[in-house]
Amino acid sequence: MAANPYREQLIAQATNLQRGATRKISRLKTKVDVVVAGTEYDVRKPPRTIKRLTTRQLEVHISRLQQFNSRSTQFVPDAHRRPIPAAEFKEYKTAEKMAVKNAQDVYNSIKDIMGSSGTETLGQRREKMRSDRKLAGNPTVQDPYSPRVRDPKNIANRQALKKLTKDEKRRSERGWEDRELNRQIGEFGQMISRIADPDMESAVRALTPGQFRVLWNDTNFPTALGQKYEIKQLLVAGKDKPWFAEVLDNAFADIWKEINWAKKLDL
C-alpha cells in the first residue's frame, strides 16, 4: 500500500509534539514539583500506537498535544504531588481572597470594642489567644475572622479542591453572615434546651443579631455554656463529682457576665 503523505506528516508532527510534552512534564516535575506522567493529564501515547492511528485519530491526538503544550495549560501539585489544573486552583484562590476580605471587614467592625473584662478590646483578646495557641503548638481553629489560607500542597486532591472552592464561594456570597449567624443560634438552641434554663434562654434570645454574634464569637460565653452543658449531661447520667458544683457556679457566673455585657453593646 502506497504511503499517505498527509498521514506521514501527521505522524511526524505528533512525534515532535510528544517530545515537547515530555520536556514540559519534566520541567513541571523539576520546577513545580508536580508529577504529571502517568496521570489523566498525560496525553502522550507510545510511538508504536501513534503509527497505528488513523488520520482522524492522529488529528485528534495532535490537537490534545497542542493544548497540553500550550502555556495556558499549567498545573500545581496537591499534597501528594499529583497535578491540579492551575486554572482551578486560581478559581479557589479568588473565592478564598473574597472570603478573607469579608471576614476581615466584620472583624474590623468589632475589634475596638472593649471586652467584658474592661481591660482589653476584643481585638487585643483575640490576638492574645492566637499568640497563646501558637506558643502552645495548637493552631487556631474555626476562627470566624481568619479563614484558612491554603497553598496547593494543603489540598488533598482535585475533588477536595472543588469542595473547598464551593465552600469559599458560599462564604463570600451576600447573606453568608446571616446564614452563619442562624447556624450559631441553632447551636445555642440545642445546648440551652438540654440545660433547661428559661431565664438564660430568654436573655440571649432578646439580644440583637450583632450582640449575639459578638457574644458567641468573641467571649467566654460558648465555653462556659459548653461546660454547663457537659456537666448537666453527666448529672443526668448519674455521674456526679464533688467538684461539679463549683464548676457549674463559675460557668453560671461567666455566662451571665458575658450576657449582661453583650446586651449593652450598640450593635
C-alpha atoms as a PDB file:
ATOM      1  CA  MET A   1       0.000   0.000   0.000  1.00  0.00           C
ATOM      2  CA  ALA A   2       1.357   3.375  -1.026  1.00  0.00           C
ATOM      3  CA  ALA A   3       2.276   5.707   1.790  1.00  0.00           C
ATOM      4  CA  ASN A   4      -0.133   8.509   2.574  1.00  0.00           C
ATOM      5  CA  PRO A   5       1.972  11.691   2.633  1.00  0.00           C
ATOM      6  CA  TYR A   6      -0.552  13.584   4.744  1.00  0.00           C
ATOM      7  CA  ARG A   7      -0.741  10.786   7.302  1.00  0.00           C
ATOM      8  CA  GLU A   8       3.049  10.518   7.430  1.00  0.00           C
ATOM      9  CA  GLN A   9       3.197  14.253   8.034  1.00  0.00           C
ATOM     10  CA  LEU A  10       0.734  13.887  10.919  1.00  0.00           C
ATOM     11  CA  ILE A  11       2.790  11.089  12.463  1.00  0.00           C
ATOM     12  CA  ALA A  12       5.901  13.271  12.329  1.00  0.00           C
ATOM     13  CA  GLN A  13       4.032  16.213  13.823  1.00  0.00           C
ATOM     14  CA  ALA A  14       2.596  14.085  16.631  1.00  0.00           C
ATOM     15  CA  THR A  15       6.020  12.618  17.374  1.00  0.00           C
ATOM     16  CA  ASN A  16       7.561  16.086  17.581  1.00  0.00           C
ATOM     17  CA  LEU A  17       4.753  17.368  19.827  1.00  0.00           C
ATOM     18  CA  GLN A  18       5.188  14.395  22.125  1.00  0.00           C
ATOM     19  CA  ARG A  19       8.830  15.314  22.596  1.00  0.00           C
ATOM     20  CA  GLY A  20       7.660  18.787  23.629  1.00  0.00           C
ATOM     21  CA  ALA A  21       5.133  17.240  26.032  1.00  0.00           C
ATOM     22  CA  THR A  22       7.853  15.090  27.580  1.00  0.00           C
ATOM     23  CA  ARG A  23      10.050  18.152  28.108  1.00  0.00           C
ATOM     24  CA  LYS A  24       7.148  20.035  29.696  1.00  0.00           C
ATOM     25  CA  ILE A  25       6.350  17.129  32.025  1.00  0.00           C
ATOM     26  CA  SER A  26       9.999  17.046  33.066  1.00  0.00           C
ATOM     27  CA  ARG A  27      10.041  20.806  33.732  1.00  0.00           C
ATOM     28  CA  LEU A  28       6.847  20.578  35.802  1.00  0.00           C
ATOM     29  CA  LYS A  29       8.383  17.853  37.935  1.00  0.00           C
ATOM     30  CA  THR A  30      11.647  19.729  38.433  1.00  0.00           C
ATOM     31  CA  LYS A  31      10.410  23.286  38.847  1.00  0.00           C
ATOM     32  CA  VAL A  32       6.878  22.917  40.205  1.00  0.00           C
ATOM     33  CA  ASP A  33       7.227  19.539  41.951  1.00  0.00           C
ATOM     34  CA  VAL A  34       4.157  18.131  40.239  1.00  0.00           C
ATOM     35  CA  VAL A  35       4.181  14.653  38.691  1.00  0.00           C
ATOM     36  CA  VAL A  36       2.054  14.623  35.537  1.00  0.00           C
ATOM     37  CA  ALA A  37       3.464  11.463  33.970  1.00  0.00           C
ATOM     38  CA  GLY A  38       1.001   8.589  34.051  1.00  0.00           C
ATOM     39  CA  THR A  39      -1.950  10.723  35.164  1.00  0.00           C
ATOM     40  CA  GLU A  40      -5.139  11.608  33.292  1.00  0.00           C
ATOM     41  CA  TYR A  41      -3.390  14.770  32.060  1.00  0.00           C
ATOM     42  CA  ASP A  42      -0.570  12.863  30.375  1.00  0.00           C
ATOM     43  CA  VAL A  43      -1.802  12.810  26.771  1.00  0.00           C
ATOM     44  CA  ARG A  44       1.236  11.066  25.302  1.00  0.00           C
ATOM     45  CA  LYS A  45       0.969   7.725  23.533  1.00  0.00           C
ATOM     46  CA  PRO A  46       3.605   5.043  22.827  1.00  0.00           C
ATOM     47  CA  PRO A  47       5.360   5.569  19.436  1.00  0.00           C
ATOM     48  CA  ARG A  48       4.029   2.242  18.115  1.00  0.00           C
ATOM     49  CA  THR A  49       0.488   3.298  18.957  1.00  0.00           C
ATOM     50  CA  ILE A  50       0.893   6.591  17.118  1.00  0.00           C
ATOM     51  CA  LYS A  51       1.915   4.789  13.929  1.00  0.00           C
ATOM     52  CA  ARG A  52      -1.266   2.698  14.038  1.00  0.00           C
ATOM     53  CA  LEU A  53      -3.654   5.643  14.466  1.00  0.00           C
ATOM     54  CA  THR A  54      -5.979   6.630  11.645  1.00  0.00           C
ATOM     55  CA  THR A  55      -5.726  10.037  10.063  1.00  0.00           C
ATOM     56  CA  ARG A  56      -8.658  11.306  12.112  1.00  0.00           C
ATOM     57  CA  GLN A  57      -7.228   9.839  15.331  1.00  0.00           C
ATOM     58  CA  LEU A  58      -3.902  11.499  14.600  1.00  0.00           C
ATOM     59  CA  GLU A  59      -5.600  14.863  14.139  1.00  0.00           C
ATOM     60  CA  VAL A  60      -7.382  14.498  17.493  1.00  0.00           C
ATOM     61  CA  HIS A  61      -4.182  13.386  19.229  1.00  0.00           C
ATOM     62  CA  ILE A  62      -2.246  16.331  17.782  1.00  0.00           C
ATOM     63  CA  SER A  63      -4.920  18.726  18.983  1.00  0.00           C
ATOM     64  CA  ARG A  64      -4.658  17.318  22.509  1.00  0.00           C
ATOM     65  CA  LEU A  65      -0.875  17.557  22.471  1.00  0.00           C
ATOM     66  CA  GLN A  66      -1.013  21.159  21.274  1.00  0.00           C
ATOM     67  CA  GLN A  67      -3.404  22.022  24.082  1.00  0.00           C
ATOM     68  CA  PHE A  68      -1.186  20.312  26.646  1.00  0.00           C
ATOM     69  CA  ASN A  69       1.948  22.054  25.350  1.00  0.00           C
ATOM     70  CA  SER A  70       0.237  25.457  25.405  1.00  0.00           C
ATOM     71  CA  ARG A  71       1.473  27.932  28.017  1.00  0.00           C
ATOM     72  CA  SER A  72      -2.126  28.292  29.174  1.00  0.00           C
ATOM     73  CA  THR A  73      -2.063  24.678  30.389  1.00  0.00           C
ATOM     74  CA  GLN A  74      -0.337  24.664  33.754  1.00  0.00           C
ATOM     75  CA  PHE A  75      -0.576  22.591  36.921  1.00  0.00           C
ATOM     76  CA  VAL A  76       0.062  22.900  40.639  1.00  0.00           C
ATOM     77  CA  PRO A  77       0.861  19.961  42.947  1.00  0.00           C
ATOM     78  CA  ASP A  78      -1.581  18.656  45.525  1.00  0.00           C
ATOM     79  CA  ALA A  79      -0.438  17.224  48.867  1.00  0.00           C
ATOM     80  CA  HIS A  80       0.788  14.095  47.057  1.00  0.00           C
ATOM     81  CA  ARG A  81       2.436  15.920  44.100  1.00  0.00           C
ATOM     82  CA  ARG A  82      -0.441  14.959  41.809  1.00  0.00           C
ATOM     83  CA  PRO A  83      -1.491  17.566  39.227  1.00  0.00           C
ATOM     84  CA  ILE A  84      -4.306  20.021  39.758  1.00  0.00           C
ATOM     85  CA  PRO A  85      -5.104  22.363  36.847  1.00  0.00           C
ATOM     86  CA  ALA A  86      -3.703  25.780  37.763  1.00  0.00           C
ATOM     87  CA  ALA A  87      -6.883  27.457  36.495  1.00  0.00           C
ATOM     88  CA  GLU A  88      -8.951  25.528  39.045  1.00  0.00           C
ATOM     89  CA  PHE A  89      -6.621  26.489  41.886  1.00  0.00           C
ATOM     90  CA  LYS A  90      -6.766  30.131  40.745  1.00  0.00           C
ATOM     91  CA  GLU A  91     -10.574  29.962  40.925  1.00  0.00           C
ATOM     92  CA  TYR A  92     -10.275  28.698  44.510  1.00  0.00           C
ATOM     93  CA  LYS A  93      -7.827  31.447  45.488  1.00  0.00           C
ATOM     94  CA  THR A  94     -10.143  34.117  44.070  1.00  0.00           C
ATOM     95  CA  ALA A  95     -13.008  32.833  46.221  1.00  0.00           C
ATOM     96  CA  GLU A  96     -10.699  32.426  49.225  1.00  0.00           C
ATOM     97  CA  LYS A  97      -9.471  36.026  48.882  1.00  0.00           C
ATOM     98  CA  MET A  98     -13.045  37.338  48.880  1.00  0.00           C
ATOM     99  CA  ALA A  99     -13.983  35.230  51.922  1.00  0.00           C
ATOM    100  CA  VAL A 100     -10.930  36.513  53.803  1.00  0.00           C
ATOM    101  CA  LYS A 101     -11.837  40.101  52.919  1.00  0.00           C
ATOM    102  CA  ASN A 102     -15.413  39.653  54.135  1.00  0.00           C
ATOM    103  CA  ALA A 103     -14.206  38.133  57.408  1.00  0.00           C
ATOM    104  CA  GLN A 104     -11.714  40.959  57.887  1.00  0.00           C
ATOM    105  CA  ASP A 105     -14.428  43.555  57.297  1.00  0.00           C
ATOM    106  CA  VAL A 106     -16.551  42.002  60.057  1.00  0.00           C
ATOM    107  CA  TYR A 107     -13.535  41.838  62.376  1.00  0.00           C
ATOM    108  CA  ASN A 108     -12.648  45.477  61.749  1.00  0.00           C
ATOM    109  CA  SER A 109     -16.162  46.458  62.808  1.00  0.00           C
ATOM    110  CA  ILE A 110     -15.830  44.884  66.289  1.00  0.00           C
ATOM    111  CA  LYS A 111     -12.117  44.710  67.124  1.00  0.00           C
ATOM    112  CA  ASP A 112     -12.028  48.023  69.042  1.00  0.00           C
ATOM    113  CA  ILE A 113     -14.974  47.181  71.302  1.00  0.00           C
ATOM    114  CA  MET A 114     -13.914  46.939  74.950  1.00  0.00           C
ATOM    115  CA  GLY A 115     -14.470  43.408  76.216  1.00  0.00           C
ATOM    116  CA  SER A 116     -16.375  42.358  79.310  1.00  0.00           C
ATOM    117  CA  SER A 117     -13.137  42.338  81.334  1.00  0.00           C
ATOM    118  CA  GLY A 118     -12.820  46.086  80.879  1.00  0.00           C
ATOM    119  CA  THR A 119      -9.061  45.708  80.381  1.00  0.00           C
ATOM    120  CA  GLU A 120      -8.706  44.732  76.729  1.00  0.00           C
ATOM    121  CA  THR A 121     -10.545  45.166  73.442  1.00  0.00           C
ATOM    122  CA  LEU A 122     -11.964  42.239  71.507  1.00  0.00           C
ATOM    123  CA  GLY A 123      -9.102  42.612  69.050  1.00  0.00           C
ATOM    124  CA  GLN A 124      -6.493  42.502  71.798  1.00  0.00           C
ATOM    125  CA  ARG A 125      -8.182  39.474  73.343  1.00  0.00           C
ATOM    126  CA  ARG A 126      -8.177  37.645  70.015  1.00  0.00           C
ATOM    127  CA  GLU A 127      -4.530  38.409  69.296  1.00  0.00           C
ATOM    128  CA  LYS A 128      -3.540  37.240  72.772  1.00  0.00           C
ATOM    129  CA  MET A 129      -5.417  33.970  72.286  1.00  0.00           C
ATOM    130  CA  ARG A 130      -3.804  33.464  68.873  1.00  0.00           C
ATOM    131  CA  SER A 131      -0.377  34.074  70.400  1.00  0.00           C
ATOM    132  CA  ASP A 132      -1.039  31.679  73.297  1.00  0.00           C
ATOM    133  CA  ARG A 133      -2.196  28.954  70.922  1.00  0.00           C
ATOM    134  CA  LYS A 134       0.841  29.426  68.732  1.00  0.00           C
ATOM    135  CA  LEU A 135       3.190  29.140  71.715  1.00  0.00           C
ATOM    136  CA  ALA A 136       1.351  26.022  72.842  1.00  0.00           C
ATOM    137  CA  GLY A 137       1.709  24.492  69.392  1.00  0.00           C
ATOM    138  CA  ASN A 138      -2.035  24.489  68.803  1.00  0.00           C
ATOM    139  CA  PRO A 139      -3.280  26.047  65.561  1.00  0.00           C
ATOM    140  CA  THR A 140      -6.176  28.463  65.675  1.00  0.00           C
ATOM    141  CA  VAL A 141      -9.269  26.564  64.645  1.00  0.00           C
ATOM    142  CA  GLN A 142     -12.637  27.829  63.474  1.00  0.00           C
ATOM    143  CA  ASP A 143     -11.603  31.462  63.754  1.00  0.00           C
ATOM    144  CA  PRO A 144     -14.519  33.327  62.152  1.00  0.00           C
ATOM    145  CA  TYR A 145     -12.281  36.296  61.368  1.00  0.00           C
ATOM    146  CA  SER A 146      -9.381  34.414  59.841  1.00  0.00           C
ATOM    147  CA  PRO A 147     -10.407  31.772  57.292  1.00  0.00           C
ATOM    148  CA  ARG A 148      -7.605  29.388  56.495  1.00  0.00           C
ATOM    149  CA  VAL A 149      -5.392  30.407  53.573  1.00  0.00           C
ATOM    150  CA  ARG A 150      -4.127  27.396  51.620  1.00  0.00           C
ATOM    151  CA  ASP A 151      -1.363  26.757  49.135  1.00  0.00           C
ATOM    152  CA  PRO A 152      -1.642  23.878  46.642  1.00  0.00           C
ATOM    153  CA  LYS A 153       0.131  21.363  48.855  1.00  0.00           C
ATOM    154  CA  ASN A 154      -2.508  21.880  51.553  1.00  0.00           C
ATOM    155  CA  ILE A 155      -5.049  20.357  49.135  1.00  0.00           C
ATOM    156  CA  ALA A 156      -5.605  16.591  49.373  1.00  0.00           C
ATOM    157  CA  ASN A 157      -6.699  16.149  45.765  1.00  0.00           C
ATOM    158  CA  ARG A 158      -8.682  17.712  42.942  1.00  0.00           C
ATOM    159  CA  GLN A 159     -12.051  16.650  44.365  1.00  0.00           C
ATOM    160  CA  ALA A 160     -11.165  18.223  47.706  1.00  0.00           C
ATOM    161  CA  LEU A 161     -10.264  21.434  45.867  1.00  0.00           C
ATOM    162  CA  LYS A 162     -13.681  21.500  44.186  1.00  0.00           C
ATOM    163  CA  LYS A 163     -15.393  21.203  47.568  1.00  0.00           C
ATOM    164  CA  LEU A 164     -13.170  23.887  49.103  1.00  0.00           C
ATOM    165  CA  THR A 165     -13.886  26.207  46.181  1.00  0.00           C
ATOM    166  CA  LYS A 166     -17.612  25.681  46.646  1.00  0.00           C
ATOM    167  CA  ASP A 167     -17.291  26.366  50.385  1.00  0.00           C
ATOM    168  CA  GLU A 168     -15.252  29.545  49.877  1.00  0.00           C
ATOM    169  CA  LYS A 169     -17.673  30.841  47.256  1.00  0.00           C
ATOM    170  CA  ARG A 170     -20.517  30.277  49.694  1.00  0.00           C
ATOM    171  CA  ARG A 171     -18.591  32.165  52.394  1.00  0.00           C
ATOM    172  CA  SER A 172     -18.110  35.111  50.049  1.00  0.00           C
ATOM    173  CA  GLU A 173     -21.757  35.305  48.971  1.00  0.00           C
ATOM    174  CA  ARG A 174     -24.130  38.019  50.114  1.00  0.00           C
ATOM    175  CA  GLY A 175     -26.089  36.713  53.080  1.00  0.00           C
ATOM    176  CA  TRP A 176     -23.489  34.215  54.281  1.00  0.00           C
ATOM    177  CA  GLU A 177     -23.015  36.057  57.588  1.00  0.00           C
ATOM    178  CA  ASP A 178     -26.752  35.832  58.248  1.00  0.00           C
ATOM    179  CA  ARG A 179     -26.790  32.103  57.481  1.00  0.00           C
ATOM    180  CA  GLU A 180     -23.799  31.534  59.742  1.00  0.00           C
ATOM    181  CA  LEU A 181     -25.497  33.538  62.487  1.00  0.00           C
ATOM    182  CA  ASN A 182     -28.613  31.367  62.185  1.00  0.00           C
ATOM    183  CA  ARG A 183     -26.434  28.261  62.452  1.00  0.00           C
ATOM    184  CA  GLN A 184     -24.838  29.588  65.647  1.00  0.00           C
ATOM    185  CA  ILE A 185     -28.234  30.491  67.112  1.00  0.00           C
ATOM    186  CA  GLY A 186     -29.392  26.966  66.300  1.00  0.00           C
ATOM    187  CA  GLU A 187     -26.348  25.522  68.052  1.00  0.00           C
ATOM    188  CA  PHE A 188     -27.136  27.648  71.097  1.00  0.00           C
ATOM    189  CA  GLY A 189     -30.753  26.479  70.975  1.00  0.00           C
ATOM    190  CA  GLN A 190     -29.736  22.825  71.058  1.00  0.00           C
ATOM    191  CA  MET A 191     -27.487  23.365  74.075  1.00  0.00           C
ATOM    192  CA  ILE A 192     -29.887  25.536  76.054  1.00  0.00           C
ATOM    193  CA  SER A 193     -32.737  23.076  75.543  1.00  0.00           C
ATOM    194  CA  ARG A 194     -30.662  20.443  77.372  1.00  0.00           C
ATOM    195  CA  ILE A 195     -29.600  22.847  80.115  1.00  0.00           C
ATOM    196  CA  ALA A 196     -33.213  23.922  80.667  1.00  0.00           C
ATOM    197  CA  ASP A 197     -32.569  27.468  81.878  1.00  0.00           C
ATOM    198  CA  PRO A 198     -35.508  29.594  80.617  1.00  0.00           C
ATOM    199  CA  ASP A 199     -34.161  32.853  82.095  1.00  0.00           C
ATOM    200  CA  MET A 200     -30.855  32.453  80.322  1.00  0.00           C
ATOM    201  CA  GLU A 201     -32.520  31.445  77.070  1.00  0.00           C
ATOM    202  CA  SER A 202     -34.851  34.433  77.215  1.00  0.00           C
ATOM    203  CA  ALA A 203     -31.975  36.840  77.899  1.00  0.00           C
ATOM    204  CA  VAL A 204     -29.888  35.533  74.992  1.00  0.00           C
ATOM    205  CA  ARG A 205     -32.759  35.461  72.520  1.00  0.00           C
ATOM    206  CA  ALA A 206     -33.524  39.091  73.414  1.00  0.00           C
ATOM    207  CA  LEU A 207     -30.124  40.155  72.043  1.00  0.00           C
ATOM    208  CA  THR A 208     -29.825  41.783  68.628  1.00  0.00           C
ATOM    209  CA  PRO A 209     -28.134  39.731  65.862  1.00  0.00           C
ATOM    210  CA  GLY A 210     -24.974  41.831  66.245  1.00  0.00           C
ATOM    211  CA  GLN A 211     -24.918  41.396  70.013  1.00  0.00           C
ATOM    212  CA  PHE A 212     -25.372  37.635  69.733  1.00  0.00           C
ATOM    213  CA  ARG A 213     -22.652  37.322  67.070  1.00  0.00           C
ATOM    214  CA  VAL A 214     -20.112  39.021  69.321  1.00  0.00           C
ATOM    215  CA  LEU A 215     -21.281  37.063  72.376  1.00  0.00           C
ATOM    216  CA  TRP A 216     -20.804  33.783  70.536  1.00  0.00           C
ATOM    217  CA  ASN A 217     -17.594  34.559  68.672  1.00  0.00           C
ATOM    218  CA  ASP A 218     -15.677  36.901  70.962  1.00  0.00           C
ATOM    219  CA  THR A 219     -16.320  35.952  74.599  1.00  0.00           C
ATOM    220  CA  ASN A 220     -16.063  33.032  77.012  1.00  0.00           C
ATOM    221  CA  PHE A 221     -19.814  32.526  76.697  1.00  0.00           C
ATOM    222  CA  PRO A 222     -19.803  29.426  74.434  1.00  0.00           C
ATOM    223  CA  THR A 223     -17.010  27.814  76.504  1.00  0.00           C
ATOM    224  CA  ALA A 224     -18.844  28.395  79.784  1.00  0.00           C
ATOM    225  CA  LEU A 225     -22.121  27.277  78.251  1.00  0.00           C
ATOM    226  CA  GLY A 226     -20.399  24.152  76.958  1.00  0.00           C
ATOM    227  CA  GLN A 227     -19.074  23.336  80.443  1.00  0.00           C
ATOM    228  CA  LYS A 228     -22.514  23.771  81.928  1.00  0.00           C
ATOM    229  CA  TYR A 229     -23.999  21.604  79.177  1.00  0.00           C
ATOM    230  CA  GLU A 230     -21.457  18.799  79.597  1.00  0.00           C
ATOM    231  CA  ILE A 231     -21.838  18.658  83.383  1.00  0.00           C
ATOM    232  CA  LYS A 232     -25.613  18.647  83.085  1.00  0.00           C
ATOM    233  CA  GLN A 233     -25.312  15.663  80.757  1.00  0.00           C
ATOM    234  CA  LEU A 234     -23.090  13.844  83.251  1.00  0.00           C
ATOM    235  CA  LEU A 235     -25.503  14.599  86.097  1.00  0.00           C
ATOM    236  CA  VAL A 236     -28.393  13.233  84.076  1.00  0.00           C
ATOM    237  CA  ALA A 237     -26.325  10.079  83.535  1.00  0.00           C
ATOM    238  CA  GLY A 238     -25.769   9.778  87.304  1.00  0.00           C
ATOM    239  CA  LYS A 239     -22.052  10.587  87.123  1.00  0.00           C
ATOM    240  CA  ASP A 240     -21.862  13.291  89.786  1.00  0.00           C
ATOM    241  CA  LYS A 241     -18.477  14.516  91.052  1.00  0.00           C
ATOM    242  CA  PRO A 242     -17.652  16.638  94.131  1.00  0.00           C
ATOM    243  CA  TRP A 243     -16.210  19.454  92.048  1.00  0.00           C
ATOM    244  CA  PHE A 244     -19.184  19.725  89.665  1.00  0.00           C
ATOM    245  CA  ALA A 245     -20.983  22.295  91.848  1.00  0.00           C
ATOM    246  CA  GLU A 246     -18.047  24.724  91.780  1.00  0.00           C
ATOM    247  CA  VAL A 247     -17.607  24.395  88.023  1.00  0.00           C
ATOM    248  CA  LEU A 248     -21.317  24.988  87.479  1.00  0.00           C
ATOM    249  CA  ASP A 249     -21.259  28.074  89.711  1.00  0.00           C
ATOM    250  CA  ASN A 250     -18.260  29.510  87.856  1.00  0.00           C
ATOM    251  CA  ALA A 251     -19.768  28.755  84.464  1.00  0.00           C
ATOM    252  CA  PHE A 252     -23.075  30.316  85.520  1.00  0.00           C
ATOM    253  CA  ALA A 253     -21.306  33.487  86.655  1.00  0.00           C
ATOM    254  CA  ASP A 254     -19.257  33.713  83.434  1.00  0.00           C
ATOM    255  CA  ILE A 255     -22.335  33.221  81.277  1.00  0.00           C
ATOM    256  CA  TRP A 256     -24.339  35.984  82.894  1.00  0.00           C
ATOM    257  CA  LYS A 257     -21.358  38.338  82.949  1.00  0.00           C
ATOM    258  CA  GLU A 258     -20.998  37.980  79.183  1.00  0.00           C
ATOM    259  CA  ILE A 259     -24.753  38.233  78.515  1.00  0.00           C
ATOM    260  CA  ASN A 260     -25.103  41.413  80.571  1.00  0.00           C
ATOM    261  CA  TRP A 261     -22.085  42.899  78.800  1.00  0.00           C
ATOM    262  CA  ALA A 262     -23.348  41.967  75.315  1.00  0.00           C
ATOM    263  CA  LYS A 263     -26.806  43.455  75.773  1.00  0.00           C
ATOM    264  CA  LYS A 264     -25.270  46.894  76.382  1.00  0.00           C
ATOM    265  CA  LEU A 265     -23.449  46.928  73.047  1.00  0.00           C
ATOM    266  CA  ASP A 266     -24.743  49.213  70.329  1.00  0.00           C
ATOM    267  CA  LEU A 267     -24.796  46.541  67.632  1.00  0.00           C
END
